[in-house]
C-alpha cells in the first residue's frame, strides 16, 4: 500500500507543506482567518488524490505530444496536454514538462473555490501558481538553483497584470535538461504554461556538440524518464564569454518567439555570470543589481 500524503502546518504558522511521492508543495493564503482555514482544508482534500490520478495516466503522459492527440481523462492531465500542445511542432515535448505547474494550478483552484482570499500561492518546487485579488501584488525572487541564497532577478507582479504562473527550468533543477542554462524563469498567464515554456527555453540555451558539455542518455539516469534516450546535460566546463553569449542568444531567440506568440509574458535566462531578460516591458522585472531593494519574495 502506498504511503498516504503528508500534510502539515509549518513552524511559521502561516504556510502549509503538502508532500506525496515526487510532489512537494508549499502553499500560503492571505485573508480572514476563517477563509484561510477553509482554503487549506480544500487544498488538503484535493491533494490526497492528485498523485493517484496522475499515475493512472502516466504511460500516456510520458509520451511525446503530437497534434491532434486524444485527450487524457483527468483534469490535471488535460491541463498538462493543453500547456505543451503549442510546442509539439517545434520540438520534442511530453505532457510531463508541465506537470508541476498543472498540479500547482489545481491546488490553487481548490483554495480559491472554497474561500475569499486577497492573495495566495502554491509553490511546487519552484513552479508557482498565483492568486491576486484586485489591488494586490507579489514580489517574486528568481534563484539560480534550489537552496542558492543569491537572487539573479526579481519581478513585481500586481493584480492588473495577466501573470498568474511562474516556472523555472535548467540543469540544476529537479528534472533533466537538454540545455546548459543554470536557470530559466518564465512568467506566463498560467503556471502550466510557464512550466512548459521554461523547459523549452532552457533546452534552447545550448552549445550543441560542444566538447566541454557532458551529456548522457536520460534513460541511463532514470529508466522511466519521459526523455528516453535523449541526451541530457550532466556537466559544463569553463566556457568563454563568446560561448556564453551564443548559448544565451539561442535561448533568447526562442523566448522572443514564445513572447510574440502570447505563450509567455517574460523570461529571465541565467548562465554562469550572465542574465538575459526577454519581455521586460510586461511588468517590473529587475536585474540582479537591483534586487537589494526587495523586502520579501516568493522564490521561483
Protein backbone atom coordinates (compact mmCIF):
# COMPACT_ATOMS: atom_id res chain seq x y z
CA UNK A 1 0.00 0.00 0.00
CA UNK A 2 1.29 3.46 -0.91
CA UNK A 3 2.21 5.81 1.93
CA UNK A 4 -0.51 8.38 2.45
CA UNK A 5 0.05 12.03 1.61
CA UNK A 6 1.72 14.10 4.34
CA UNK A 7 0.14 17.46 5.18
CA UNK A 8 1.38 19.75 7.94
CA UNK A 9 1.39 23.36 9.04
CA UNK A 10 4.91 24.74 9.01
CA UNK A 11 6.57 26.25 12.08
CA UNK A 12 5.85 29.79 10.93
CA UNK A 13 2.13 29.05 11.41
CA UNK A 14 1.31 30.58 8.02
CA UNK A 15 2.30 28.10 5.35
CA UNK A 16 1.27 24.50 4.74
CA UNK A 17 3.52 21.74 3.39
CA UNK A 18 1.88 19.02 1.28
CA UNK A 19 4.01 16.05 0.26
CA UNK A 20 3.17 12.88 -1.65
CA UNK A 21 5.85 10.93 -3.53
CA UNK A 22 7.53 13.32 -6.00
CA UNK A 23 5.01 16.11 -5.34
CA UNK A 24 6.18 18.66 -2.78
CA UNK A 25 4.11 21.81 -2.30
CA UNK A 26 4.32 24.88 -0.11
CA UNK A 27 1.08 26.86 -0.02
CA UNK A 28 0.15 30.12 1.62
CA UNK A 29 -3.10 32.06 1.70
CA UNK A 30 -3.84 35.62 2.80
CA UNK A 31 -7.16 36.93 4.08
CA UNK A 32 -9.50 36.46 7.02
CA UNK A 33 -8.53 33.59 9.32
CA UNK A 34 -11.68 31.57 8.64
CA UNK A 35 -11.18 31.97 4.89
CA UNK A 36 -7.54 30.87 5.12
CA UNK A 37 -8.55 27.80 7.11
CA UNK A 38 -11.21 26.91 4.56
CA UNK A 39 -8.69 27.29 1.75
CA UNK A 40 -6.20 24.99 3.46
CA UNK A 41 -8.85 22.33 4.13
CA UNK A 42 -9.89 22.39 0.50
CA UNK A 43 -6.28 22.17 -0.68
CA UNK A 44 -5.66 19.16 1.55
CA UNK A 45 -8.85 17.40 0.41
CA UNK A 46 -7.91 17.84 -3.24
CA UNK A 47 -4.24 16.99 -2.78
CA UNK A 48 -4.69 13.47 -1.41
CA UNK A 49 -5.98 12.22 -4.79
CA UNK A 50 -3.61 14.05 -7.14
CA UNK A 51 -0.79 11.51 -7.36
CA UNK A 52 -3.11 8.55 -7.90
CA UNK A 53 -4.86 10.43 -10.72
CA UNK A 54 -1.58 11.19 -12.47
CA UNK A 55 -0.21 7.67 -12.02
CA UNK A 56 -3.35 6.27 -13.63
CA UNK A 57 -2.43 8.02 -16.91
CA UNK A 58 1.36 8.04 -16.57
CA UNK A 59 2.04 5.96 -19.69
CA UNK A 60 0.20 8.48 -21.84
CA UNK A 61 1.75 11.48 -20.08
CA UNK A 62 5.29 10.21 -20.72
CA UNK A 63 4.77 10.00 -24.47
CA UNK A 64 5.67 12.79 -26.89
CA UNK A 65 2.74 15.11 -27.56
CA UNK A 66 1.51 15.18 -31.13
CA UNK A 67 -1.40 17.09 -32.60
CA UNK A 68 -4.13 16.04 -32.71
CA UNK A 69 -3.72 13.51 -29.89
CA UNK A 70 -6.65 12.16 -27.89
CA UNK A 71 -7.06 13.89 -24.56
CA UNK A 72 -6.48 12.12 -21.24
CA UNK A 73 -9.38 11.85 -18.82
CA UNK A 74 -8.02 13.65 -15.71
CA UNK A 75 -8.41 17.40 -15.29
CA UNK A 76 -4.73 17.87 -14.37
CA UNK A 77 -3.58 15.67 -17.25
CA UNK A 78 -5.73 17.67 -19.67
CA UNK A 79 -4.15 20.88 -18.38
CA UNK A 80 -0.70 19.39 -18.95
CA UNK A 81 -1.52 18.46 -22.56
CA UNK A 82 -3.01 21.89 -23.26
CA UNK A 83 0.15 23.56 -21.95
CA UNK A 84 2.59 21.58 -24.10
CA UNK A 85 0.47 21.29 -27.27
CA UNK A 86 1.58 24.69 -28.70
CA UNK A 87 5.21 23.48 -28.58
CA UNK A 88 4.88 19.98 -30.02
CA UNK A 89 5.56 21.01 -33.63
CA UNK A 90 8.64 22.97 -32.58
CA UNK A 91 10.39 20.26 -30.59
CA UNK A 92 10.09 17.02 -28.65
CA UNK A 93 7.95 17.55 -25.57
CA UNK A 94 5.76 15.40 -23.35
CA UNK A 95 2.95 16.49 -21.01
CA UNK A 96 5.33 15.84 -18.11
CA UNK A 97 7.02 19.14 -19.00
CA UNK A 98 4.01 20.88 -17.44
CA UNK A 99 3.18 18.55 -14.55
CA UNK A 100 4.46 20.72 -11.70
CA UNK A 101 2.70 23.84 -12.92
CA UNK A 102 -0.51 21.95 -13.64
CA UNK A 103 -0.58 20.48 -10.14
CA UNK A 104 0.06 23.92 -8.61
CA UNK A 105 -2.85 25.34 -10.62
CA UNK A 106 -5.18 22.58 -9.47
CA UNK A 107 -4.46 23.07 -5.78
CA UNK A 108 -4.73 26.85 -6.08
CA UNK A 109 -8.07 26.41 -7.83
CA UNK A 110 -9.33 24.31 -4.93
CA UNK A 111 -8.26 27.03 -2.48
CA UNK A 112 -9.88 29.93 -4.32
CA UNK A 113 -13.08 27.99 -4.97
CA UNK A 114 -13.50 27.39 -1.24
CA UNK A 115 -12.54 30.78 0.19
CA UNK A 116 -12.35 34.50 -0.44
CA UNK A 117 -8.64 35.30 -0.38
CA UNK A 118 -6.71 38.50 -1.04
CA UNK A 119 -3.64 36.60 -2.18
CA UNK A 120 -2.47 33.00 -2.39
CA UNK A 121 0.26 30.93 -3.95
CA UNK A 122 1.08 27.28 -4.48
CA UNK A 123 4.79 26.62 -4.92
CA UNK A 124 5.52 23.22 -6.43
CA UNK A 125 9.30 23.03 -6.24
CA UNK A 126 9.72 26.44 -7.85
CA UNK A 127 6.77 26.26 -10.24
CA UNK A 128 4.21 28.63 -8.79
CA UNK A 129 0.52 29.37 -9.31
CA UNK A 130 -0.65 32.76 -8.02
CA UNK A 131 -3.94 34.30 -6.95
CA UNK A 132 -4.19 38.09 -6.68
CA UNK A 133 -7.37 39.93 -5.76
CA UNK A 134 -7.78 43.48 -7.13
CA UNK A 135 -5.16 45.84 -5.74
CA UNK A 136 -2.84 43.09 -4.53
CA UNK A 137 0.72 42.23 -5.59
CA UNK A 138 3.58 39.78 -5.07
CA UNK A 139 7.34 40.27 -5.31
CA UNK A 140 8.97 37.20 -6.83
CA UNK A 141 12.65 36.31 -6.49
CA UNK A 142 14.44 34.15 -9.06
CA UNK A 143 17.34 31.99 -7.89
CA UNK A 144 19.99 30.11 -9.83
CA UNK A 145 19.26 26.78 -8.17
CA UNK A 146 17.26 25.41 -5.29
CA UNK A 147 18.89 26.30 -1.99
CA UNK A 148 21.02 29.05 -3.54
CA UNK A 149 20.74 32.18 -1.38
CA UNK A 150 21.51 34.71 -4.12
CA UNK A 151 18.91 36.12 -6.49
CA UNK A 152 19.65 36.77 -10.15
CA UNK A 153 16.45 38.73 -10.83
CA UNK A 154 13.17 39.77 -9.25
CA UNK A 155 9.76 40.74 -10.56
CA UNK A 156 6.91 42.69 -9.02
CA UNK A 157 3.55 41.28 -10.11
CA UNK A 158 0.28 43.07 -9.43
CA UNK A 159 -3.34 42.14 -9.97
CA UNK A 160 -3.70 44.34 -13.05
CA UNK A 161 -1.14 42.23 -14.91
CA UNK A 162 -2.07 38.89 -16.53
CA UNK A 163 0.77 36.88 -14.97
CA UNK A 164 -0.51 34.13 -12.67
CA UNK A 165 2.14 31.49 -13.28
CA UNK A 166 5.89 31.27 -12.71
CA UNK A 167 8.19 28.36 -13.52
CA UNK A 168 11.91 27.68 -13.52
CA UNK A 169 13.86 25.11 -15.52
CA UNK A 170 17.53 24.40 -16.09
CA UNK A 171 20.22 21.85 -15.49
CA UNK A 172 20.23 22.43 -11.72
CA UNK A 173 16.51 21.74 -11.37
CA UNK A 174 14.58 18.66 -10.32
CA UNK A 175 14.13 17.49 -13.91
CA UNK A 176 16.66 16.79 -16.64
CA UNK A 177 17.54 19.49 -19.16
CA UNK A 178 18.78 19.22 -22.74
CA UNK A 179 20.49 22.61 -22.46
CA UNK A 180 23.16 24.24 -20.32
CA UNK A 181 21.22 27.08 -18.65
CA UNK A 182 21.69 27.34 -14.91
CA UNK A 183 18.13 28.61 -14.67
CA UNK A 184 15.39 29.96 -16.91
CA UNK A 185 12.45 31.56 -15.12
CA UNK A 186 9.30 32.25 -17.13
CA UNK A 187 6.27 34.36 -16.26
CA UNK A 188 3.06 33.42 -18.03
CA UNK A 189 -0.70 33.65 -17.64
CA UNK A 190 -0.85 30.21 -16.00
CA UNK A 191 1.61 28.02 -14.13
CA UNK A 192 1.34 25.08 -16.54
CA UNK A 193 2.05 27.40 -19.49
CA UNK A 194 5.08 28.81 -17.69
CA UNK A 195 6.31 25.31 -16.82
CA UNK A 196 6.22 24.09 -20.42
CA UNK A 197 7.80 27.27 -21.79
CA UNK A 198 10.61 27.28 -19.21
CA UNK A 199 11.52 23.75 -20.29
CA UNK A 200 11.59 24.74 -23.97
CA UNK A 201 13.70 27.85 -23.41
CA UNK A 202 16.13 26.14 -21.02
CA UNK A 203 16.68 23.38 -23.58
CA UNK A 204 17.48 26.04 -26.19
CA UNK A 205 20.21 27.69 -24.09
CA UNK A 206 22.81 25.37 -25.52
CA UNK A 207 26.01 24.79 -27.47
CA UNK A 208 25.21 21.62 -29.44
CA UNK A 209 28.15 19.26 -29.77
CA UNK A 210 30.48 21.32 -27.55
CA UNK A 211 33.27 19.11 -26.15
CA UNK A 212 33.07 20.68 -22.68
CA UNK A 213 29.39 19.81 -22.24
CA UNK A 214 28.91 16.35 -20.72
CA UNK A 215 25.72 14.61 -21.82
CA UNK A 216 24.28 11.18 -21.13
CA UNK A 217 21.04 9.45 -22.16
CA UNK A 218 18.23 10.33 -19.79
CA UNK A 219 17.29 6.66 -19.57
CA UNK A 220 20.72 5.82 -18.12
CA UNK A 221 19.99 8.10 -15.14
CA UNK A 222 16.30 7.30 -14.75
CA UNK A 223 14.95 4.25 -16.62
CA UNK A 224 11.41 5.66 -16.55
CA UNK A 225 12.32 9.14 -17.80
CA UNK A 226 9.95 10.55 -20.39
CA UNK A 227 13.05 11.77 -22.29
CA UNK A 228 14.14 8.22 -23.10
CA UNK A 229 17.46 8.15 -24.96
CA UNK A 230 17.68 11.91 -25.46
CA UNK A 231 20.98 13.30 -24.17
CA UNK A 232 20.65 15.39 -21.01
CA UNK A 233 23.28 17.73 -19.60
CA UNK A 234 25.32 16.48 -16.65
CA UNK A 235 28.25 18.87 -16.63
CA UNK A 236 29.53 22.06 -18.25
CA UNK A 237 33.19 23.06 -18.38
CA UNK A 238 34.66 26.55 -18.39
CA UNK A 239 33.19 28.44 -21.33
CA UNK A 240 34.40 31.64 -22.93
CA UNK A 241 32.38 34.85 -22.86
CA UNK A 242 31.58 34.42 -26.55
CA UNK A 243 30.31 30.90 -25.94
CA UNK A 244 28.13 32.02 -23.05
CA UNK A 245 26.72 34.77 -25.23
CA UNK A 246 25.99 32.35 -28.07
CA UNK A 247 24.13 29.96 -25.77
CA UNK A 248 22.07 32.76 -24.24
CA UNK A 249 21.35 34.19 -27.69
CA UNK A 250 19.90 30.84 -28.77
CA UNK A 251 17.64 30.67 -25.73
CA UNK A 252 16.60 34.30 -26.01
CA UNK A 253 15.56 33.77 -29.63
CA UNK A 254 13.17 31.02 -28.55
CA UNK A 255 11.89 33.16 -25.67
CA UNK A 256 11.16 36.04 -28.05
CA UNK A 257 9.26 33.67 -30.34
CA UNK A 258 7.11 32.44 -27.45
CA UNK A 259 6.57 36.03 -26.32
CA UNK A 260 5.39 37.02 -29.80
CA UNK A 261 3.00 34.05 -29.80
CA UNK A 262 1.49 35.09 -26.47
CA UNK A 263 2.68 31.94 -24.72
CA UNK A 264 4.80 33.82 -22.16
CA UNK A 265 4.90 37.31 -20.70
CA UNK A 266 8.57 37.43 -19.77
CA UNK A 267 11.64 35.27 -19.20
CA UNK A 268 14.94 35.62 -17.35
CA UNK A 269 17.74 33.37 -18.66
CA UNK A 270 20.73 32.82 -16.40
CA UNK A 271 24.03 31.16 -17.35
CA UNK A 272 27.10 31.49 -15.15
CA UNK A 273 27.60 35.22 -14.59
CA UNK A 274 25.19 36.47 -17.25
CA UNK A 275 21.43 37.08 -17.17
CA UNK A 276 19.29 37.84 -20.21
CA UNK A 277 15.76 39.25 -19.85
CA UNK A 278 13.10 38.94 -22.56
CA UNK A 279 9.77 40.74 -22.29
CA UNK A 280 10.80 43.28 -19.68
CA UNK A 281 8.02 45.67 -20.69
CA UNK A 282 5.25 43.43 -19.38
CA UNK A 283 5.99 44.02 -15.71
CA UNK A 284 8.62 45.47 -13.41
CA UNK A 285 11.40 42.90 -13.76
CA UNK A 286 14.66 43.88 -12.04
CA UNK A 287 18.21 42.81 -12.81
CA UNK A 288 20.44 41.29 -10.15
CA UNK A 289 21.94 44.63 -9.15
CA UNK A 290 18.52 46.00 -8.22
CA UNK A 291 17.40 43.09 -6.05
CA UNK A 292 18.92 44.64 -2.94
CA UNK A 293 15.73 46.68 -2.54
CA UNK A 294 13.48 43.63 -2.32
CA UNK A 295 11.89 43.32 1.12
CA UNK A 296 10.08 39.98 0.75
CA UNK A 297 9.62 37.49 -2.04
CA UNK A 298 8.38 34.14 -3.21
CA UNK A 299 11.38 32.37 -4.63
CA UNK A 300 10.89 30.78 -8.02
